[in-house]
Amino acid sequence: MSVKTYDSLSQIQNDLAVGAVTCRGLVEHYLRRIEENRHLNVFVAVYAEEALRRADEVDARRQEGKAGRLAGMVIGIKDVLSYTGHGVQAGSRILDGFTAQFTATAVQRVIDEDAIVIGRQNCDEFAMGSSNENSAFGPVRNAADTDRVPGGSSGGSAVAVQAGLCLASLGSDTGGSVRQPAAFCGVVGLKPTYARVSRWGLIAYASSFDCIGPITRSVEDAALLLEVMAGPDEFDSTVSRNEVPAYHALLKENRPLRIGYLREGVESEGVDADIRQKTREALDALQALGHTVEPVDFPLLQHVLPTYYILTTAEASSNLSRFDGVRYGYRSPNATDLESLYKKSRTEGFGDEVRRRILLGTFALSASYYDAYYTKAQQVRRLIKDATDALFAGYDLIATPVTPTTAFRIGEKASDPLQMYLADIFTVQANVAGCPAISVPNGTDRTGLPIGFQLMAAPFREADLLSVAGRLRQRQEVPA
């Protein structure tokens, strides 16, 4: 069965309703696409037989009128999300051969609504990276230009949606890891409010920053996936018990909002000229939609990245201590005693970037430097949170570019970690402050590489974020 390219679940469900396609036909189509695009190195495992079996089950439920809200959605999951009976490695040798013993709450909730999981997607090791070059499975390639990175750490998840290998993906965002690859790949990436979605079953990088978020081709699919995944969970004591709004229905809301844009995003010479221009065009479009758009300053911007990296590396040092070569995963064959088992297993099992961040975090947590680095960074995090809250006292949304550049070439920044970290300059604030943020496609630069536009809202104001992003996308897609 020939299947056309779909940009939203509603398109698929309309065709399912009239018999133009079946869930089995959709899965077969995506399996062909995955095989044709193996050079992109997106999937580390494809669940072909299982996905086809699930498709038949969903088709049968559709015939009975009992299908869930996500019937017809074929998704991939980032290799940091547990799925019972399937491998999960976080892109690392240290988890070679490990099989998940339970299913992440977010994954289970989309499955319960009849989404079909087609496979596990490549990512930076333990979600540490901005380019998807740090994976034990090798780099993922950007479908817009295979010599360029897709962004990280959810690079495989973004390229899968970009290249039409599945309709949507579930990624994770610790400092921009959903939004930055979404921008580099020209798709939609949503980071929810911290605690909006349960982290149960997500392999931890930095527990007070990590968020699970969807990567999609449309804002409406991002809204629907958030609605399905969000809400209380008995397995995660940090998840919010706030009521989950009907995000999908609220997309139709159209009230004028006050939107502040970060002055550095359109004035700084450190941001590519094409990105500055496209950002101005998006701001003009928001104004044309009836919103008040004004420049704002955030004087703590220069402190956001250092604060983020001190705290996340410290949390990573603690979280990754459980991977010791003793109980599961990779065990060094060269060990001679218990101490050498720990040292050799972790040295051989972890990649360079993960080892670098563990060492930095361990240094920040050491007795001599704890107050100078970790305690001070926690204090600055509070200042950043308070300053961000103050911004939202005057504005409903804050707009910025997602990244200062478009996708760079594979290997271009591999030898300079600081330059790599600077790719996160506009995305980390949302994680430090716990706010929701979304990346939407915003055209291309003069070489045809995708550009992203970011909107950030106050905690639990995803409805405003999604409705404005949706209307902006509709305006951009209407031919001039």
Protein backbone atom coordinates (compact mmCIF):
# COMPACT_ATOMS: atom_id res chain seq x y z
CA MET A 1 0.00 0.00 0.00
CA SER A 2 1.41 3.39 -1.00
CA VAL A 3 1.29 5.86 1.87
CA LYS A 4 1.64 9.62 1.55
CA THR A 5 3.64 11.82 3.88
CA TYR A 6 1.61 12.91 6.89
CA ASP A 7 2.26 16.00 9.00
CA SER A 8 -0.23 15.36 11.79
CA LEU A 9 -2.21 12.62 13.48
CA SER A 10 -5.47 14.26 12.45
CA GLN A 11 -4.53 13.76 8.78
CA ILE A 12 -3.81 10.10 9.46
CA GLN A 13 -7.01 9.55 11.41
CA ASN A 14 -9.07 11.17 8.64
CA ASP A 15 -7.58 8.70 6.15
CA LEU A 16 -8.04 5.79 8.56
CA ALA A 17 -11.72 6.72 8.89
CA VAL A 18 -12.35 6.54 5.12
CA GLY A 19 -10.21 3.42 4.60
CA ALA A 20 -7.46 5.18 2.62
CA VAL A 21 -4.87 3.64 4.93
CA THR A 22 -4.55 1.14 7.79
CA CYS A 23 -2.29 1.12 10.82
CA ARG A 24 -0.49 -1.90 9.36
CA GLY A 25 0.02 0.02 6.12
CA LEU A 26 1.45 2.94 8.08
CA VAL A 27 3.90 0.75 9.97
CA GLU A 28 5.00 -0.98 6.76
CA HIS A 29 5.55 2.45 5.19
CA TYR A 30 7.69 3.68 8.10
CA LEU A 31 9.69 0.43 8.17
CA ARG A 32 10.53 0.96 4.49
CA ARG A 33 11.53 4.55 5.20
CA ILE A 34 13.78 3.43 8.06
CA GLU A 35 15.50 0.89 5.80
CA GLU A 36 15.96 3.45 3.01
CA ASN A 37 17.53 5.93 5.44
CA ARG A 38 19.86 3.69 7.41
CA HIS A 39 22.73 6.03 6.51
CA LEU A 40 21.26 8.61 8.89
CA ASN A 41 21.97 6.22 11.81
CA VAL A 42 18.73 7.12 13.60
CA PHE A 43 17.52 3.84 15.13
CA VAL A 44 19.60 1.60 17.34
CA ALA A 45 16.79 -1.00 17.44
CA VAL A 46 13.71 -1.41 15.24
CA TYR A 47 10.72 -3.36 16.59
CA ALA A 48 9.39 -4.44 13.20
CA GLU A 49 7.42 -7.59 14.08
CA GLU A 50 6.10 -6.16 17.32
CA ALA A 51 5.00 -2.90 15.64
CA LEU A 52 3.17 -4.82 12.90
CA ARG A 53 1.44 -6.97 15.50
CA ARG A 54 0.43 -3.87 17.45
CA ALA A 55 -0.83 -2.25 14.25
CA ASP A 56 -3.14 -5.21 13.63
CA GLU A 57 -4.44 -4.93 17.19
CA VAL A 58 -5.13 -1.22 16.80
CA ASP A 59 -6.83 -1.79 13.44
CA ALA A 60 -9.08 -4.35 15.13
CA ARG A 61 -9.92 -1.90 17.95
CA ARG A 62 -10.72 0.75 15.38
CA GLN A 63 -13.20 -1.58 13.70
CA GLU A 64 -14.86 -2.09 17.09
CA GLY A 65 -14.92 1.65 17.80
CA LYS A 66 -12.65 1.22 20.83
CA ALA A 67 -9.40 2.78 19.61
CA GLY A 68 -7.47 5.23 21.79
CA ARG A 69 -6.76 8.89 21.08
CA LEU A 70 -3.36 8.14 19.50
CA ALA A 71 -4.53 5.36 17.16
CA GLY A 72 -2.51 5.75 13.95
CA MET A 73 0.46 7.47 15.60
CA VAL A 74 3.72 5.59 14.99
CA ILE A 75 6.39 6.84 17.39
CA GLY A 76 10.02 6.23 18.28
CA ILE A 77 11.49 6.54 21.76
CA LYS A 78 14.87 7.98 22.70
CA ASP A 79 17.39 5.47 24.04
CA VAL A 80 17.00 6.78 27.60
CA LEU A 81 13.38 5.65 28.07
CA SER A 82 12.66 2.23 29.54
CA TYR A 83 10.32 -0.14 27.69
CA THR A 84 9.78 -3.54 29.31
CA GLY A 85 11.63 -6.40 27.64
CA HIS A 86 13.54 -4.09 25.28
CA GLY A 87 17.11 -2.91 25.42
CA VAL A 88 17.94 0.55 26.76
CA GLN A 89 21.54 1.82 26.73
CA ALA A 90 21.48 5.63 26.88
CA GLY A 91 23.86 5.52 23.91
CA SER A 92 26.57 4.01 26.12
CA ARG A 93 28.77 0.90 26.25
CA ILE A 94 28.33 0.84 30.01
CA LEU A 95 24.79 -0.54 29.51
CA ASP A 96 25.68 -3.13 26.87
CA GLY A 97 23.12 -5.92 26.94
CA PHE A 98 20.84 -4.29 29.49
CA THR A 99 17.10 -4.98 29.16
CA ALA A 100 14.49 -2.70 30.73
CA GLN A 101 12.59 -4.27 33.62
CA PHE A 102 9.63 -1.88 33.42
CA THR A 103 8.12 0.72 31.10
CA ALA A 104 8.50 4.46 31.61
CA THR A 105 5.24 6.11 32.63
CA ALA A 106 5.29 8.49 29.64
CA VAL A 107 5.82 5.59 27.25
CA GLN A 108 3.11 3.49 28.89
CA ARG A 109 0.58 6.32 28.65
CA VAL A 110 1.04 6.78 24.91
CA ILE A 111 0.86 3.00 24.40
CA ASP A 112 -2.36 2.90 26.42
CA GLU A 113 -3.83 5.40 23.93
CA ASP A 114 -2.83 3.08 21.04
CA ALA A 115 0.36 4.74 19.81
CA ILE A 116 2.64 2.19 18.14
CA VAL A 117 6.31 2.16 19.18
CA ILE A 118 8.45 1.35 16.14
CA GLY A 119 11.92 1.48 17.70
CA ARG A 120 14.59 2.96 19.92
CA GLN A 121 16.46 6.05 18.73
CA ASN A 122 20.13 7.03 18.88
CA CYS A 123 21.19 9.84 21.23
CA ASP A 124 24.21 11.43 22.86
CA GLU A 125 25.56 9.19 25.61
CA PHE A 126 23.46 9.67 28.77
CA ALA A 127 21.84 12.64 26.99
CA MET A 128 25.07 14.65 27.35
CA GLY A 129 25.69 16.62 24.19
CA SER A 130 24.47 19.16 21.67
CA SER A 131 25.35 17.32 18.47
CA ASN A 132 24.59 13.58 18.79
CA GLU A 133 28.27 12.84 18.16
CA ASN A 134 28.81 11.33 21.64
CA SER A 135 26.92 8.07 21.10
CA ALA A 136 28.52 4.65 21.34
CA PHE A 137 26.47 3.86 18.21
CA GLY A 138 28.13 6.64 16.18
CA PRO A 139 26.81 10.05 15.11
CA VAL A 140 23.33 10.68 13.73
CA ARG A 141 23.25 12.67 10.49
CA ASN A 142 20.97 15.60 9.70
CA ALA A 143 18.62 14.73 6.83
CA ALA A 144 18.86 18.32 5.51
CA ASP A 145 22.62 17.88 5.02
CA THR A 146 24.24 14.58 6.00
CA ASP A 147 27.58 16.28 6.67
CA ARG A 148 25.98 18.19 9.52
CA VAL A 149 24.89 17.31 13.05
CA PRO A 150 21.20 16.98 13.95
CA GLY A 151 21.68 18.60 17.36
CA GLY A 152 21.56 16.80 20.65
CA SER A 153 21.01 15.02 22.69
CA SER A 154 17.73 13.86 21.11
CA GLY A 155 19.24 13.97 17.62
CA GLY A 156 17.99 10.57 16.50
CA SER A 157 14.49 11.42 17.70
CA ALA A 158 14.47 14.70 15.75
CA VAL A 159 15.85 13.23 12.51
CA ALA A 160 13.32 10.38 12.68
CA VAL A 161 10.51 12.94 12.51
CA GLN A 162 12.36 15.18 10.03
CA ALA A 163 13.00 12.32 7.59
CA GLY A 164 9.55 10.74 7.95
CA LEU A 165 10.72 7.56 9.71
CA CYS A 166 7.87 7.91 12.24
CA LEU A 167 5.23 10.53 12.92
CA ALA A 168 6.53 11.58 16.35
CA SER A 169 9.23 10.84 18.90
CA LEU A 170 9.60 11.01 22.66
CA GLY A 171 12.84 12.71 23.69
CA SER A 172 14.30 14.19 26.85
CA ASP A 173 15.35 17.78 27.55
CA THR A 174 17.87 18.64 30.27
CA GLY A 175 19.24 21.87 28.80
CA GLY A 176 17.66 22.04 25.36
CA SER A 177 17.96 18.44 24.20
CA VAL A 178 14.49 18.39 22.61
CA ARG A 179 14.38 21.98 21.36
CA GLN A 180 17.88 22.34 19.90
CA PRO A 181 17.67 19.25 17.62
CA ALA A 182 14.11 20.24 16.69
CA ALA A 183 15.49 23.60 15.54
CA PHE A 184 18.39 22.02 13.62
CA CYS A 185 16.00 19.61 11.90
CA GLY A 186 13.03 21.89 11.19
CA VAL A 187 10.46 20.17 13.41
CA VAL A 188 8.52 21.00 16.59
CA GLY A 189 10.07 20.26 20.01
CA LEU A 190 8.31 20.84 23.33
CA LYS A 191 9.93 20.92 26.78
CA PRO A 192 7.17 20.85 29.42
CA THR A 193 7.29 22.47 32.84
CA TYR A 194 9.55 20.53 35.21
CA ALA A 195 7.31 17.97 37.02
CA ARG A 196 4.55 18.20 34.42
CA VAL A 197 5.46 14.74 33.06
CA SER A 198 6.62 11.83 35.22
CA ARG A 199 10.32 10.96 34.96
CA TRP A 200 9.71 7.36 36.07
CA GLY A 201 11.61 5.15 33.61
CA LEU A 202 13.85 7.93 32.27
CA ILE A 203 17.55 7.17 32.74
CA ALA A 204 18.72 10.16 34.78
CA TYR A 205 21.30 12.69 33.67
CA ALA A 206 20.49 15.59 36.04
CA SER A 207 17.38 14.85 38.07
CA SER A 208 16.35 18.42 38.88
CA PHE A 209 16.57 19.42 35.19
CA ASP A 210 15.45 16.38 33.15
CA CYS A 211 12.11 16.54 31.30
CA ILE A 212 10.45 14.17 28.82
CA GLY A 213 9.03 15.98 25.80
CA PRO A 214 7.58 15.26 22.35
CA ILE A 215 9.14 15.95 18.95
CA THR A 216 6.54 16.23 16.20
CA ARG A 217 5.75 17.68 12.79
CA SER A 218 2.86 19.78 14.13
CA VAL A 219 2.06 21.80 17.25
CA GLU A 220 -1.29 20.00 17.57
CA ASP A 221 0.46 16.62 17.92
CA ALA A 222 2.81 18.06 20.55
CA ALA A 223 -0.22 19.33 22.48
CA LEU A 224 -1.99 15.98 22.28
CA LEU A 225 1.07 14.00 23.36
CA LEU A 226 1.63 16.31 26.33
CA GLU A 227 -2.00 15.93 27.33
CA VAL A 228 -1.65 12.14 27.25
CA MET A 229 1.69 11.97 29.10
CA ALA A 230 1.15 14.63 31.79
CA GLY A 231 -0.32 14.19 35.24
CA PRO A 232 0.29 12.56 38.63
CA ASP A 233 2.15 9.27 38.89
CA GLU A 234 2.47 7.10 41.98
CA PHE A 235 5.99 6.09 40.92
CA ASP A 236 7.36 9.67 40.83
CA SER A 237 7.02 11.75 43.99
CA THR A 238 8.33 14.87 42.19
CA VAL A 239 5.61 14.98 39.54
CA SER A 240 2.97 17.70 39.86
CA ARG A 241 -0.60 17.00 40.87
CA ASN A 242 -1.85 20.11 39.09
CA GLU A 243 -4.81 19.43 36.83
CA VAL A 244 -3.86 18.62 33.23
CA PRO A 245 -5.64 21.04 30.85
CA ALA A 246 -7.11 19.90 27.54
CA TYR A 247 -4.11 21.30 25.65
CA HIS A 248 -5.33 20.03 22.29
CA ALA A 249 -8.70 21.78 22.62
CA LEU A 250 -7.11 24.96 23.97
CA LEU A 251 -5.11 25.40 20.76
CA LYS A 252 -8.16 27.25 19.42
CA GLU A 253 -7.81 30.00 22.01
CA ASN A 254 -6.82 33.31 20.46
CA ARG A 255 -6.41 36.08 23.00
CA PRO A 256 -3.84 38.87 22.71
CA LEU A 257 -0.79 38.30 24.90
CA ARG A 258 2.20 40.34 25.98
CA ILE A 259 5.34 38.84 24.47
CA GLY A 260 8.82 40.00 25.38
CA TYR A 261 11.75 39.11 23.17
CA LEU A 262 15.30 38.82 24.44
CA ARG A 263 17.21 41.74 22.96
CA GLU A 264 20.39 39.66 22.53
CA GLY A 265 18.51 37.28 20.23
CA VAL A 266 18.04 39.91 17.52
CA GLU A 267 20.97 42.25 18.22
CA SER A 268 23.98 40.16 19.28
CA GLU A 269 26.71 39.64 16.70
CA GLY A 270 27.17 36.19 18.24
CA VAL A 271 23.90 35.11 16.60
CA ASP A 272 23.99 34.32 12.87
CA ALA A 273 22.62 37.13 10.71
CA ASP A 274 20.08 34.82 9.05
CA ILE A 275 18.78 33.68 12.44
CA ARG A 276 18.47 37.27 13.66
CA GLN A 277 16.50 38.17 10.53
CA LYS A 278 14.18 35.17 10.78
CA THR A 279 13.62 35.89 14.46
CA ARG A 280 12.57 39.48 13.61
CA GLU A 281 10.18 38.11 10.98
CA ALA A 282 8.60 35.75 13.51
CA LEU A 283 8.22 38.63 15.99
CA ASP A 284 6.54 40.71 13.26
CA ALA A 285 4.19 37.80 12.59
CA LEU A 286 3.28 37.62 16.28
CA GLN A 287 2.55 41.35 16.26
CA ALA A 288 0.36 40.91 13.17
CA LEU A 289 -1.56 38.24 15.09
CA GLY A 290 -2.53 40.89 17.64
CA HIS A 291 0.06 40.32 20.37
CA THR A 292 2.05 43.07 22.04
CA VAL A 293 5.73 42.45 21.28
CA GLU A 294 8.46 44.33 23.17
CA PRO A 295 12.21 43.94 23.82
CA VAL A 296 13.35 42.78 27.26
CA ASP A 297 16.72 42.44 28.94
CA PHE A 298 17.82 39.54 31.10
CA PRO A 299 21.00 40.72 32.86
CA LEU A 300 21.70 37.26 34.32
CA LEU A 301 21.96 35.63 30.87
CA GLN A 302 25.75 35.34 31.12
CA HIS A 303 25.39 33.34 34.35
CA VAL A 304 22.85 30.81 33.11
CA LEU A 305 25.24 28.49 31.24
CA PRO A 306 27.90 28.23 33.99
CA THR A 307 25.19 27.64 36.59
CA TYR A 308 23.63 24.95 34.43
CA TYR A 309 26.89 23.10 33.80
CA ILE A 310 28.07 23.17 37.42
CA LEU A 311 24.76 21.79 38.71
CA THR A 312 24.11 19.25 35.95
CA THR A 313 27.62 17.81 36.09
CA ALA A 314 27.32 17.54 39.88
CA GLU A 315 24.01 15.69 39.55
CA ALA A 316 25.45 13.50 36.79
CA SER A 317 28.39 12.57 38.99
CA SER A 318 25.96 11.34 41.61
CA ASN A 319 23.45 9.70 39.25
CA LEU A 320 26.02 7.83 37.18
CA SER A 321 27.79 6.34 40.20
CA ARG A 322 25.30 3.43 39.97
CA PHE A 323 26.95 2.21 36.74
CA ASP A 324 29.85 0.29 38.25
CA GLY A 325 30.24 -2.88 36.19
CA VAL A 326 29.08 -5.06 39.07
CA ARG A 327 25.32 -5.54 38.82
CA TYR A 328 24.47 -5.02 35.14
CA GLY A 329 25.81 -3.72 31.85
CA TYR A 330 29.44 -3.63 30.75
CA ARG A 331 32.07 -5.32 32.93
CA SER A 332 35.72 -4.95 32.06
CA PRO A 333 37.44 -8.25 31.21
CA ASN A 334 40.74 -6.72 32.36
CA ALA A 335 39.90 -6.32 36.05
CA THR A 336 42.05 -8.06 38.67
CA ASP A 337 40.27 -7.01 41.88
CA LEU A 338 37.19 -5.05 42.96
CA GLU A 339 38.83 -1.63 42.76
CA SER A 340 40.19 -2.27 39.27
CA LEU A 341 36.77 -3.63 38.24
CA TYR A 342 35.18 -0.28 39.12
CA LYS A 343 37.91 1.79 37.52
CA LYS A 344 38.34 -0.19 34.32
CA SER A 345 34.63 -0.81 33.73
CA ARG A 346 33.79 2.88 34.07
CA THR A 347 36.83 4.06 32.10
CA GLU A 348 36.15 1.66 29.24
CA GLY A 349 32.36 1.86 29.40
CA PHE A 350 31.88 5.63 29.46
CA GLY A 351 32.78 7.88 26.52
CA ASP A 352 34.97 10.99 26.69
CA GLU A 353 32.19 13.54 27.20
CA VAL A 354 30.50 11.56 29.97
CA ARG A 355 33.83 11.03 31.76
CA ARG A 356 34.55 14.77 31.41
CA ARG A 357 31.23 15.72 33.03
CA ILE A 358 31.54 13.13 35.81
CA LEU A 359 35.00 14.51 36.67
CA LEU A 360 33.77 18.12 36.59
CA GLY A 361 30.81 17.22 38.78
CA THR A 362 32.91 15.26 41.24
CA PHE A 363 35.28 18.23 41.49
CA ALA A 364 32.36 20.62 42.15
CA LEU A 365 31.06 18.31 44.89
CA SER A 366 34.43 17.70 46.55
CA ALA A 367 34.87 18.88 50.13
CA SER A 368 37.30 21.66 49.23
CA TYR A 369 35.18 23.17 46.47
CA TYR A 370 31.56 22.32 47.42
CA ASP A 371 30.73 25.80 48.75
CA ALA A 372 32.71 27.63 46.07
CA TYR A 373 30.98 25.89 43.17
CA TYR A 374 27.93 23.75 43.98
CA THR A 375 26.47 25.89 46.79
CA LYS A 376 27.16 29.11 44.88
CA ALA A 377 25.56 27.70 41.72
CA GLN A 378 22.44 26.73 43.69
CA GLN A 379 22.22 30.29 44.98
CA VAL A 380 22.61 31.71 41.47
CA ARG A 381 19.96 29.27 40.23
CA ARG A 382 17.54 30.82 42.71
CA LEU A 383 18.43 34.31 41.43
CA ILE A 384 17.85 33.16 37.84
CA LYS A 385 14.51 31.61 38.81
CA ASP A 386 13.41 34.79 40.61
CA ALA A 387 14.50 37.01 37.69
CA THR A 388 12.67 34.75 35.23
CA ASP A 389 9.52 34.88 37.38
CA ALA A 390 9.85 38.68 37.40
CA LEU A 391 9.89 38.67 33.59
CA PHE A 392 6.69 36.66 33.56
CA ALA A 393 5.07 39.16 35.93
CA GLY A 394 5.09 41.57 32.98
CA TYR A 395 4.92 39.23 29.99
CA ASP A 396 2.99 36.08 29.10
CA LEU A 397 5.72 34.65 26.86
CA ILE A 398 9.42 35.26 26.21
CA ALA A 399 10.74 34.79 22.66
CA THR A 400 14.29 34.01 21.52
CA PRO A 401 16.07 32.11 18.78
CA VAL A 402 16.62 28.47 19.78
CA THR A 403 20.29 28.42 18.77
CA PRO A 404 22.89 31.05 17.81
CA THR A 405 23.78 29.11 14.63
CA THR A 406 22.23 26.57 12.32
CA ALA A 407 23.48 22.96 12.29
CA PHE A 408 27.28 22.82 12.23
CA ARG A 409 29.39 20.21 10.48
CA ILE A 410 30.10 16.86 12.10
CA GLY A 411 33.43 17.12 13.93
CA GLU A 412 33.53 20.93 13.70
CA LYS A 413 33.26 21.54 17.46
CA ALA A 414 34.26 18.14 18.81
CA SER A 415 37.66 19.37 20.00
CA ASP A 416 36.29 22.49 21.72
CA PRO A 417 33.75 21.60 24.44
CA LEU A 418 33.22 25.26 25.37
CA GLN A 419 32.05 26.16 21.86
CA MET A 420 29.78 23.12 21.92
CA TYR A 421 28.29 24.20 25.26
CA LEU A 422 27.59 27.70 23.90
CA ALA A 423 25.11 26.15 21.45
CA ASP A 424 22.77 25.90 24.48
CA ILE A 425 22.88 29.60 25.39
CA PHE A 426 19.18 30.28 24.68
CA THR A 427 17.73 26.94 25.78
CA VAL A 428 19.14 26.30 29.26
CA GLN A 429 17.24 29.09 31.03
CA ALA A 430 13.97 27.13 30.77
CA ASN A 431 15.59 24.15 32.52
CA VAL A 432 17.34 26.19 35.19
CA ALA A 433 14.04 27.97 36.00
CA GLY A 434 11.78 24.93 35.42
CA CYS A 435 9.71 26.66 32.73
CA PRO A 436 8.05 25.18 29.64
CA ALA A 437 9.43 26.13 26.21
CA ILE A 438 8.80 25.17 22.61
CA SER A 439 10.85 25.27 19.40
CA VAL A 440 8.94 25.77 16.16
CA PRO A 441 10.37 25.80 12.63
CA ASN A 442 11.18 29.31 11.43
CA GLY A 443 12.34 28.93 7.83
CA THR A 444 15.88 28.28 6.66
CA ASP A 445 19.14 30.14 6.30
CA ARG A 446 20.65 31.05 2.93
CA THR A 447 22.12 27.54 2.60
CA GLY A 448 18.79 25.81 3.26
CA LEU A 449 19.48 24.71 6.85
CA PRO A 450 16.51 24.86 9.26
CA ILE A 451 16.14 27.63 11.85
CA GLY A 452 14.11 27.39 15.07
CA PHE A 453 12.12 29.99 17.03
CA GLN A 454 11.64 29.57 20.78
CA LEU A 455 8.80 30.63 23.05
CA MET A 456 9.04 30.24 26.83
CA ALA A 457 6.19 30.57 29.35
CA ALA A 458 5.75 30.64 33.11
CA PRO A 459 5.46 27.22 34.80
CA PHE A 460 2.32 25.27 33.86
CA ARG A 461 1.35 27.80 31.16
CA GLU A 462 1.84 25.32 28.30
CA ALA A 463 -1.62 26.16 26.97
CA ASP A 464 -0.52 29.74 26.09
CA LEU A 465 2.73 28.45 24.65
CA LEU A 466 1.01 25.92 22.39
CA SER A 467 -1.83 28.16 21.19
CA VAL A 468 0.53 30.97 20.16
CA ALA A 469 3.01 28.53 18.57
CA GLY A 470 0.16 26.86 16.67
CA ARG A 471 -1.18 30.12 15.25
CA LEU A 472 2.32 31.27 14.34
CA ARG A 473 2.86 28.05 12.41
CA GLN A 474 -0.48 28.43 10.63
CA ARG A 475 0.45 31.95 9.56
CA GLN A 476 3.89 30.85 8.36
CA GLU A 477 2.41 28.00 6.32
CA VAL A 478 -0.15 30.14 4.48
CA PRO A 479 1.30 31.03 1.02
CA ALA A 480 2.05 34.73 0.66
